[in-house]
Amino acid sequence: MRKPNILLIEDDELDTISVERSLKKLEIKYVLHTAYNGLEALKLLRDSENPLIPDVILLDINMPRMNGIEFLRIIRDDEKLKDLKVFIMTTSSESNDRITAEELGISGYIIKPLNYNDNTKRPDSMDAFVQFHLRKILLNENS
């Protein structure tokens, strides 16, 4: 069975570690690709030799050089990338960010910080996302 690809686009090292820790709880083999910002992610997705085709993208909204909203706009306008499943990760309680992201066709969102002690009790936490949503998505993609 093919290992699913997950693309994590995150500029904060602690948040990256937290996501990796949550993903390790998956009882599914996967390949995690990481990018520091939207520009790095686009390079991976548009590589002429070996383009990355992720099953799921975990996208931070607030990043340097190209933020998550800018990245979303670009991939939604790209015929090859427009249907990718994207979940945003945000500290932003800014409703404009959420509304814009939803208009750009996100699959859902996860509220940061990702490392709360009671992380598993929150329905929008990283652990809850991994256990309930990501597991289902990856199993369905590869069955």
N, C-alpha and C. Protein backbone atom coordinates (compact mmCIF):
# COMPACT_ATOMS: atom_id res chain seq x y z
N MET A 1 0.85 -1.19 0.00
CA MET A 1 0.00 0.00 0.00
C MET A 1 0.89 1.25 0.00
N ARG A 2 0.51 2.23 -0.79
CA ARG A 2 1.25 3.48 -0.89
C ARG A 2 1.13 4.27 0.41
N LYS A 3 2.26 4.85 0.84
CA LYS A 3 2.23 5.70 2.03
C LYS A 3 1.66 7.06 1.64
N PRO A 4 0.69 7.56 2.40
CA PRO A 4 0.15 8.89 2.10
C PRO A 4 1.18 9.98 2.37
N ASN A 5 1.07 11.06 1.63
CA ASN A 5 1.94 12.22 1.78
C ASN A 5 1.20 13.33 2.50
N ILE A 6 1.85 13.89 3.51
CA ILE A 6 1.32 15.04 4.24
C ILE A 6 2.31 16.17 4.04
N LEU A 7 1.81 17.34 3.65
CA LEU A 7 2.65 18.52 3.52
C LEU A 7 2.31 19.47 4.65
N LEU A 8 3.30 19.75 5.48
CA LEU A 8 3.16 20.70 6.59
C LEU A 8 3.85 21.99 6.19
N ILE A 9 3.10 23.08 6.18
CA ILE A 9 3.66 24.39 5.84
C ILE A 9 3.57 25.24 7.11
N GLU A 10 4.71 25.39 7.78
CA GLU A 10 4.75 26.00 9.11
C GLU A 10 6.12 26.64 9.34
N ASP A 11 6.12 27.88 9.84
CA ASP A 11 7.39 28.57 10.07
C ASP A 11 7.88 28.49 11.51
N ASP A 12 7.06 27.99 12.42
CA ASP A 12 7.44 27.92 13.83
C ASP A 12 7.92 26.52 14.18
N GLU A 13 9.16 26.42 14.63
CA GLU A 13 9.75 25.12 14.90
C GLU A 13 9.02 24.35 16.00
N LEU A 14 8.56 25.05 17.04
CA LEU A 14 7.83 24.37 18.13
C LEU A 14 6.50 23.82 17.63
N ASP A 15 5.82 24.56 16.78
CA ASP A 15 4.56 24.07 16.22
C ASP A 15 4.81 22.88 15.30
N THR A 16 5.92 22.91 14.57
CA THR A 16 6.28 21.77 13.71
C THR A 16 6.50 20.52 14.57
N ILE A 17 7.22 20.68 15.66
CA ILE A 17 7.47 19.56 16.58
C ILE A 17 6.17 19.03 17.15
N SER A 18 5.27 19.94 17.51
CA SER A 18 3.98 19.55 18.07
C SER A 18 3.15 18.76 17.05
N VAL A 19 3.17 19.21 15.80
CA VAL A 19 2.44 18.49 14.75
C VAL A 19 3.06 17.11 14.56
N GLU A 20 4.38 17.05 14.49
CA GLU A 20 5.06 15.76 14.32
C GLU A 20 4.71 14.80 15.45
N ARG A 21 4.66 15.32 16.67
CA ARG A 21 4.32 14.49 17.83
C ARG A 21 2.90 13.94 17.71
N SER A 22 1.98 14.77 17.29
CA SER A 22 0.59 14.32 17.11
C SER A 22 0.49 13.30 15.99
N LEU A 23 1.22 13.52 14.90
CA LEU A 23 1.17 12.60 13.77
C LEU A 23 1.73 11.23 14.12
N LYS A 24 2.68 11.19 15.03
CA LYS A 24 3.26 9.90 15.43
C LYS A 24 2.21 9.00 16.08
N LYS A 25 1.14 9.59 16.57
CA LYS A 25 0.07 8.81 17.19
C LYS A 25 -0.81 8.10 16.16
N LEU A 26 -0.65 8.48 14.90
CA LEU A 26 -1.39 7.79 13.83
C LEU A 26 -0.85 6.37 13.72
N GLU A 27 -1.71 5.43 13.55
CA GLU A 27 -1.26 4.06 13.35
C GLU A 27 -1.21 3.76 11.85
N ILE A 28 -0.83 4.78 11.11
CA ILE A 28 -0.75 4.70 9.66
C ILE A 28 0.66 5.14 9.26
N LYS A 29 1.28 4.45 8.35
CA LYS A 29 2.57 4.88 7.82
C LYS A 29 2.31 6.03 6.85
N TYR A 30 3.08 7.09 6.95
CA TYR A 30 2.93 8.26 6.09
C TYR A 30 4.29 8.87 5.84
N VAL A 31 4.35 9.79 4.88
CA VAL A 31 5.56 10.56 4.62
C VAL A 31 5.22 12.02 4.88
N LEU A 32 5.99 12.66 5.76
CA LEU A 32 5.77 14.07 6.09
C LEU A 32 6.79 14.92 5.35
N HIS A 33 6.28 15.89 4.59
CA HIS A 33 7.12 16.87 3.90
C HIS A 33 6.88 18.20 4.60
N THR A 34 7.92 19.00 4.79
CA THR A 34 7.74 20.28 5.45
C THR A 34 8.27 21.42 4.59
N ALA A 35 7.60 22.55 4.72
CA ALA A 35 8.03 23.78 4.07
C ALA A 35 7.89 24.90 5.08
N TYR A 36 8.81 25.86 5.03
CA TYR A 36 8.86 26.96 5.99
C TYR A 36 7.84 28.06 5.66
N ASN A 37 7.45 28.14 4.40
CA ASN A 37 6.47 29.16 3.98
C ASN A 37 5.82 28.73 2.67
N GLY A 38 4.91 29.54 2.19
CA GLY A 38 4.17 29.22 0.98
C GLY A 38 5.05 29.09 -0.26
N LEU A 39 6.10 29.90 -0.35
CA LEU A 39 6.99 29.83 -1.51
C LEU A 39 7.71 28.49 -1.58
N GLU A 40 8.21 28.02 -0.43
CA GLU A 40 8.88 26.72 -0.38
C GLU A 40 7.89 25.61 -0.74
N ALA A 41 6.67 25.73 -0.25
CA ALA A 41 5.66 24.71 -0.54
C ALA A 41 5.34 24.66 -2.03
N LEU A 42 5.21 25.82 -2.66
CA LEU A 42 4.93 25.85 -4.10
C LEU A 42 6.06 25.20 -4.89
N LYS A 43 7.30 25.41 -4.45
CA LYS A 43 8.44 24.75 -5.13
C LYS A 43 8.28 23.24 -5.09
N LEU A 44 7.88 22.70 -3.94
CA LEU A 44 7.68 21.26 -3.81
C LEU A 44 6.54 20.78 -4.72
N LEU A 45 5.45 21.52 -4.73
CA LEU A 45 4.27 21.12 -5.48
C LEU A 45 4.46 21.25 -6.99
N ARG A 46 5.30 22.19 -7.39
CA ARG A 46 5.48 22.46 -8.83
C ARG A 46 6.83 21.98 -9.36
N ASP A 47 7.54 21.17 -8.61
CA ASP A 47 8.83 20.65 -9.05
C ASP A 47 8.67 19.95 -10.39
N SER A 48 9.45 20.36 -11.39
CA SER A 48 9.29 19.81 -12.73
C SER A 48 9.72 18.35 -12.84
N GLU A 49 10.68 17.94 -12.01
CA GLU A 49 11.17 16.55 -12.04
C GLU A 49 10.27 15.60 -11.24
N ASN A 50 9.93 16.03 -10.04
CA ASN A 50 9.22 15.14 -9.11
C ASN A 50 8.25 15.94 -8.25
N PRO A 51 7.12 16.40 -8.80
CA PRO A 51 6.21 17.23 -8.01
C PRO A 51 5.57 16.44 -6.87
N LEU A 52 5.45 17.08 -5.74
CA LEU A 52 4.79 16.48 -4.58
C LEU A 52 3.28 16.55 -4.80
N ILE A 53 2.62 15.43 -4.56
CA ILE A 53 1.15 15.40 -4.62
C ILE A 53 0.68 14.94 -3.24
N PRO A 54 0.45 15.89 -2.33
CA PRO A 54 0.07 15.50 -0.97
C PRO A 54 -1.39 15.07 -0.88
N ASP A 55 -1.63 14.14 0.04
CA ASP A 55 -3.01 13.75 0.33
C ASP A 55 -3.69 14.82 1.17
N VAL A 56 -2.88 15.50 2.01
CA VAL A 56 -3.39 16.54 2.90
C VAL A 56 -2.30 17.60 3.07
N ILE A 57 -2.73 18.86 3.13
CA ILE A 57 -1.83 19.97 3.46
C ILE A 57 -2.28 20.55 4.79
N LEU A 58 -1.33 20.71 5.72
CA LEU A 58 -1.56 21.41 6.98
C LEU A 58 -0.86 22.76 6.84
N LEU A 59 -1.63 23.82 6.85
CA LEU A 59 -1.14 25.15 6.45
C LEU A 59 -1.29 26.17 7.57
N ASP A 60 -0.16 26.75 7.96
CA ASP A 60 -0.18 27.88 8.89
C ASP A 60 -0.64 29.12 8.13
N ILE A 61 -1.40 29.97 8.79
CA ILE A 61 -1.87 31.19 8.12
C ILE A 61 -0.82 32.29 8.17
N ASN A 62 -0.21 32.50 9.35
CA ASN A 62 0.74 33.61 9.53
C ASN A 62 2.17 33.13 9.34
N MET A 63 2.73 33.45 8.15
CA MET A 63 4.10 33.06 7.82
C MET A 63 4.79 34.19 7.08
N PRO A 64 6.13 34.19 7.10
CA PRO A 64 6.87 35.20 6.34
C PRO A 64 6.85 34.89 4.84
N ARG A 65 7.17 35.88 4.05
CA ARG A 65 7.34 35.78 2.59
C ARG A 65 6.04 35.51 1.84
N MET A 66 5.32 34.46 2.18
CA MET A 66 4.01 34.20 1.57
C MET A 66 3.14 33.55 2.65
N ASN A 67 2.10 34.25 3.05
CA ASN A 67 1.26 33.70 4.12
C ASN A 67 0.29 32.65 3.59
N GLY A 68 -0.44 32.04 4.49
CA GLY A 68 -1.33 30.95 4.13
C GLY A 68 -2.44 31.34 3.18
N ILE A 69 -3.00 32.54 3.36
CA ILE A 69 -4.09 33.00 2.48
C ILE A 69 -3.56 33.21 1.06
N GLU A 70 -2.37 33.82 0.95
CA GLU A 70 -1.78 34.01 -0.38
C GLU A 70 -1.51 32.66 -1.05
N PHE A 71 -0.99 31.71 -0.28
CA PHE A 71 -0.72 30.37 -0.79
C PHE A 71 -2.01 29.72 -1.28
N LEU A 72 -3.06 29.81 -0.46
CA LEU A 72 -4.35 29.22 -0.84
C LEU A 72 -4.88 29.81 -2.14
N ARG A 73 -4.78 31.13 -2.28
CA ARG A 73 -5.26 31.78 -3.51
C ARG A 73 -4.52 31.23 -4.74
N ILE A 74 -3.22 31.05 -4.60
CA ILE A 74 -2.42 30.56 -5.73
C ILE A 74 -2.79 29.13 -6.09
N ILE A 75 -2.89 28.26 -5.10
CA ILE A 75 -3.19 26.86 -5.46
C ILE A 75 -4.62 26.69 -5.95
N ARG A 76 -5.54 27.49 -5.46
CA ARG A 76 -6.93 27.37 -5.95
C ARG A 76 -7.07 27.87 -7.38
N ASP A 77 -6.12 28.71 -7.83
CA ASP A 77 -6.14 29.18 -9.22
C ASP A 77 -5.33 28.27 -10.14
N ASP A 78 -4.69 27.26 -9.59
CA ASP A 78 -3.84 26.36 -10.37
C ASP A 78 -4.62 25.08 -10.67
N GLU A 79 -4.80 24.79 -11.95
CA GLU A 79 -5.61 23.64 -12.38
C GLU A 79 -5.15 22.33 -11.75
N LYS A 80 -3.84 22.14 -11.59
CA LYS A 80 -3.31 20.89 -11.05
C LYS A 80 -3.41 20.80 -9.53
N LEU A 81 -3.51 21.94 -8.87
CA LEU A 81 -3.45 21.96 -7.40
C LEU A 81 -4.77 22.34 -6.73
N LYS A 82 -5.73 22.79 -7.49
CA LYS A 82 -6.93 23.41 -6.92
C LYS A 82 -7.77 22.49 -6.04
N ASP A 83 -7.66 21.17 -6.23
CA ASP A 83 -8.51 20.25 -5.46
C ASP A 83 -7.82 19.64 -4.23
N LEU A 84 -6.63 20.11 -3.90
CA LEU A 84 -5.92 19.56 -2.74
C LEU A 84 -6.69 19.85 -1.45
N LYS A 85 -6.66 18.88 -0.53
CA LYS A 85 -7.29 19.06 0.78
C LYS A 85 -6.36 19.88 1.66
N VAL A 86 -6.86 21.02 2.14
CA VAL A 86 -6.05 21.92 2.96
C VAL A 86 -6.76 22.20 4.27
N PHE A 87 -6.03 21.99 5.36
CA PHE A 87 -6.50 22.36 6.70
C PHE A 87 -5.61 23.48 7.19
N ILE A 88 -6.20 24.58 7.64
CA ILE A 88 -5.38 25.67 8.13
C ILE A 88 -5.17 25.54 9.63
N MET A 89 -3.99 25.99 10.06
CA MET A 89 -3.65 26.05 11.48
C MET A 89 -3.45 27.53 11.78
N THR A 90 -4.15 28.03 12.78
CA THR A 90 -4.07 29.47 13.03
C THR A 90 -4.23 29.80 14.50
N THR A 91 -3.54 30.85 14.92
CA THR A 91 -3.77 31.44 16.24
C THR A 91 -4.80 32.54 16.08
N SER A 92 -5.07 32.85 14.84
CA SER A 92 -5.88 34.01 14.53
C SER A 92 -7.32 33.82 14.95
N SER A 93 -7.77 34.71 15.80
CA SER A 93 -9.19 34.74 16.10
C SER A 93 -9.84 35.73 15.15
N GLU A 94 -9.04 36.24 14.22
CA GLU A 94 -9.50 37.19 13.22
C GLU A 94 -10.50 36.49 12.30
N SER A 95 -11.75 36.86 12.40
CA SER A 95 -12.77 36.17 11.61
C SER A 95 -12.57 36.38 10.11
N ASN A 96 -11.92 37.49 9.72
CA ASN A 96 -11.66 37.72 8.29
C ASN A 96 -10.80 36.62 7.70
N ASP A 97 -9.75 36.20 8.46
CA ASP A 97 -8.88 35.11 8.00
C ASP A 97 -9.69 33.84 7.79
N ARG A 98 -10.52 33.51 8.76
CA ARG A 98 -11.32 32.28 8.65
C ARG A 98 -12.30 32.35 7.50
N ILE A 99 -12.97 33.47 7.36
CA ILE A 99 -13.95 33.63 6.28
C ILE A 99 -13.26 33.52 4.94
N THR A 100 -12.13 34.21 4.78
CA THR A 100 -11.38 34.15 3.52
C THR A 100 -10.93 32.73 3.23
N ALA A 101 -10.38 32.05 4.26
CA ALA A 101 -9.91 30.67 4.07
C ALA A 101 -11.07 29.75 3.68
N GLU A 102 -12.22 29.93 4.31
CA GLU A 102 -13.38 29.11 3.97
C GLU A 102 -13.85 29.38 2.54
N GLU A 103 -13.81 30.65 2.14
CA GLU A 103 -14.18 30.99 0.76
C GLU A 103 -13.22 30.35 -0.24
N LEU A 104 -11.97 30.10 0.19
CA LEU A 104 -10.96 29.49 -0.68
C LEU A 104 -10.98 27.96 -0.59
N GLY A 105 -12.01 27.42 0.04
CA GLY A 105 -12.24 25.99 -0.01
C GLY A 105 -11.38 25.13 0.90
N ILE A 106 -11.12 25.60 2.13
CA ILE A 106 -10.38 24.75 3.05
C ILE A 106 -11.26 23.59 3.51
N SER A 107 -10.62 22.54 3.97
CA SER A 107 -11.35 21.38 4.48
C SER A 107 -11.68 21.53 5.96
N GLY A 108 -10.95 22.41 6.65
CA GLY A 108 -11.18 22.64 8.07
C GLY A 108 -10.05 23.44 8.67
N TYR A 109 -10.13 23.70 9.97
CA TYR A 109 -9.05 24.45 10.61
C TYR A 109 -8.77 23.93 12.01
N ILE A 110 -7.56 24.20 12.45
CA ILE A 110 -7.06 23.78 13.75
C ILE A 110 -6.56 25.03 14.46
N ILE A 111 -6.98 25.23 15.70
CA ILE A 111 -6.59 26.41 16.45
C ILE A 111 -5.30 26.15 17.20
N LYS A 112 -4.34 27.07 17.09
CA LYS A 112 -3.11 27.00 17.86
C LYS A 112 -3.32 27.76 19.16
N PRO A 113 -2.54 27.57 20.19
CA PRO A 113 -1.34 26.75 20.20
C PRO A 113 -1.70 25.27 20.12
N LEU A 114 -0.79 24.53 19.52
CA LEU A 114 -1.02 23.11 19.28
C LEU A 114 -0.61 22.25 20.46
N ASN A 115 0.00 22.84 21.46
CA ASN A 115 0.56 22.03 22.54
C ASN A 115 -0.11 22.27 23.90
N TYR A 116 -1.39 22.54 23.92
CA TYR A 116 -2.10 22.67 25.19
C TYR A 116 -2.01 21.36 25.96
N ASN A 117 -1.99 21.43 27.27
CA ASN A 117 -1.98 20.21 28.08
C ASN A 117 -3.26 19.41 27.88
N ASP A 118 -4.36 20.11 27.67
CA ASP A 118 -5.63 19.41 27.47
C ASP A 118 -5.98 19.34 25.98
N ASN A 119 -4.95 19.25 25.16
CA ASN A 119 -5.09 19.26 23.70
C ASN A 119 -6.15 18.30 23.19
N THR A 120 -6.22 17.08 23.74
CA THR A 120 -7.14 16.09 23.19
C THR A 120 -8.59 16.38 23.54
N LYS A 121 -8.83 17.28 24.47
CA LYS A 121 -10.21 17.57 24.87
C LYS A 121 -10.87 18.61 23.97
N ARG A 122 -10.09 19.29 23.16
CA ARG A 122 -10.64 20.33 22.30
C ARG A 122 -10.91 19.75 20.91
N PRO A 123 -12.11 19.94 20.37
CA PRO A 123 -12.42 19.37 19.07
C PRO A 123 -11.60 19.97 17.93
N ASP A 124 -11.02 21.15 18.14
CA ASP A 124 -10.21 21.77 17.09
C ASP A 124 -8.72 21.67 17.39
N SER A 125 -8.33 20.78 18.30
CA SER A 125 -6.92 20.61 18.63
C SER A 125 -6.23 19.73 17.60
N MET A 126 -4.90 19.76 17.60
CA MET A 126 -4.14 18.95 16.66
C MET A 126 -4.37 17.46 16.91
N ASP A 127 -4.32 17.03 18.17
CA ASP A 127 -4.53 15.61 18.46
C ASP A 127 -5.91 15.15 18.01
N ALA A 128 -6.91 15.94 18.28
CA ALA A 128 -8.27 15.58 17.87
C ALA A 128 -8.35 15.51 16.34
N PHE A 129 -7.73 16.46 15.67
CA PHE A 129 -7.72 16.46 14.21
C PHE A 129 -7.07 15.19 13.68
N VAL A 130 -5.91 14.85 14.23
CA VAL A 130 -5.18 13.66 13.76
C VAL A 130 -6.01 12.41 13.99
N GLN A 131 -6.56 12.27 15.19
CA GLN A 131 -7.27 11.04 15.53
C GLN A 131 -8.60 10.88 14.79
N PHE A 132 -9.31 11.97 14.58
CA PHE A 132 -10.66 11.85 14.01
C PHE A 132 -10.73 12.16 12.52
N HIS A 133 -10.00 13.18 12.07
CA HIS A 133 -10.13 13.59 10.67
C HIS A 133 -9.04 13.02 9.79
N LEU A 134 -7.80 13.24 10.18
CA LEU A 134 -6.69 12.85 9.32
C LEU A 134 -6.64 11.34 9.11
N ARG A 135 -6.85 10.58 10.17
CA ARG A 135 -6.85 9.12 10.04
C ARG A 135 -7.87 8.67 8.99
N LYS A 136 -9.07 9.23 9.05
CA LYS A 136 -10.15 8.87 8.12
C LYS A 136 -9.78 9.26 6.68
N ILE A 137 -9.26 10.46 6.52
CA ILE A 137 -8.89 10.95 5.20
C ILE A 137 -7.82 10.05 4.58
N LEU A 138 -6.77 9.75 5.35
CA LEU A 138 -5.66 8.98 4.81
C LEU A 138 -6.07 7.53 4.54
N LEU A 139 -6.90 6.97 5.37
CA LEU A 139 -7.35 5.60 5.13
C LEU A 139 -8.25 5.53 3.89
N ASN A 140 -9.11 6.53 3.71
CA ASN A 140 -9.99 6.55 2.54
C ASN A 140 -9.22 6.78 1.26
N GLU A 141 -8.17 7.63 1.30
CA GLU A 141 -7.37 7.92 0.12
C GLU A 141 -6.62 6.69 -0.36
N ASN A 142 -6.26 5.80 0.56
CA ASN A 142 -5.37 4.71 0.23
C ASN A 142 -6.05 3.34 0.25
N SER A 143 -7.36 3.34 0.26
CA SER A 143 -8.04 2.03 0.26
C SER A 143 -8.54 1.67 -1.13
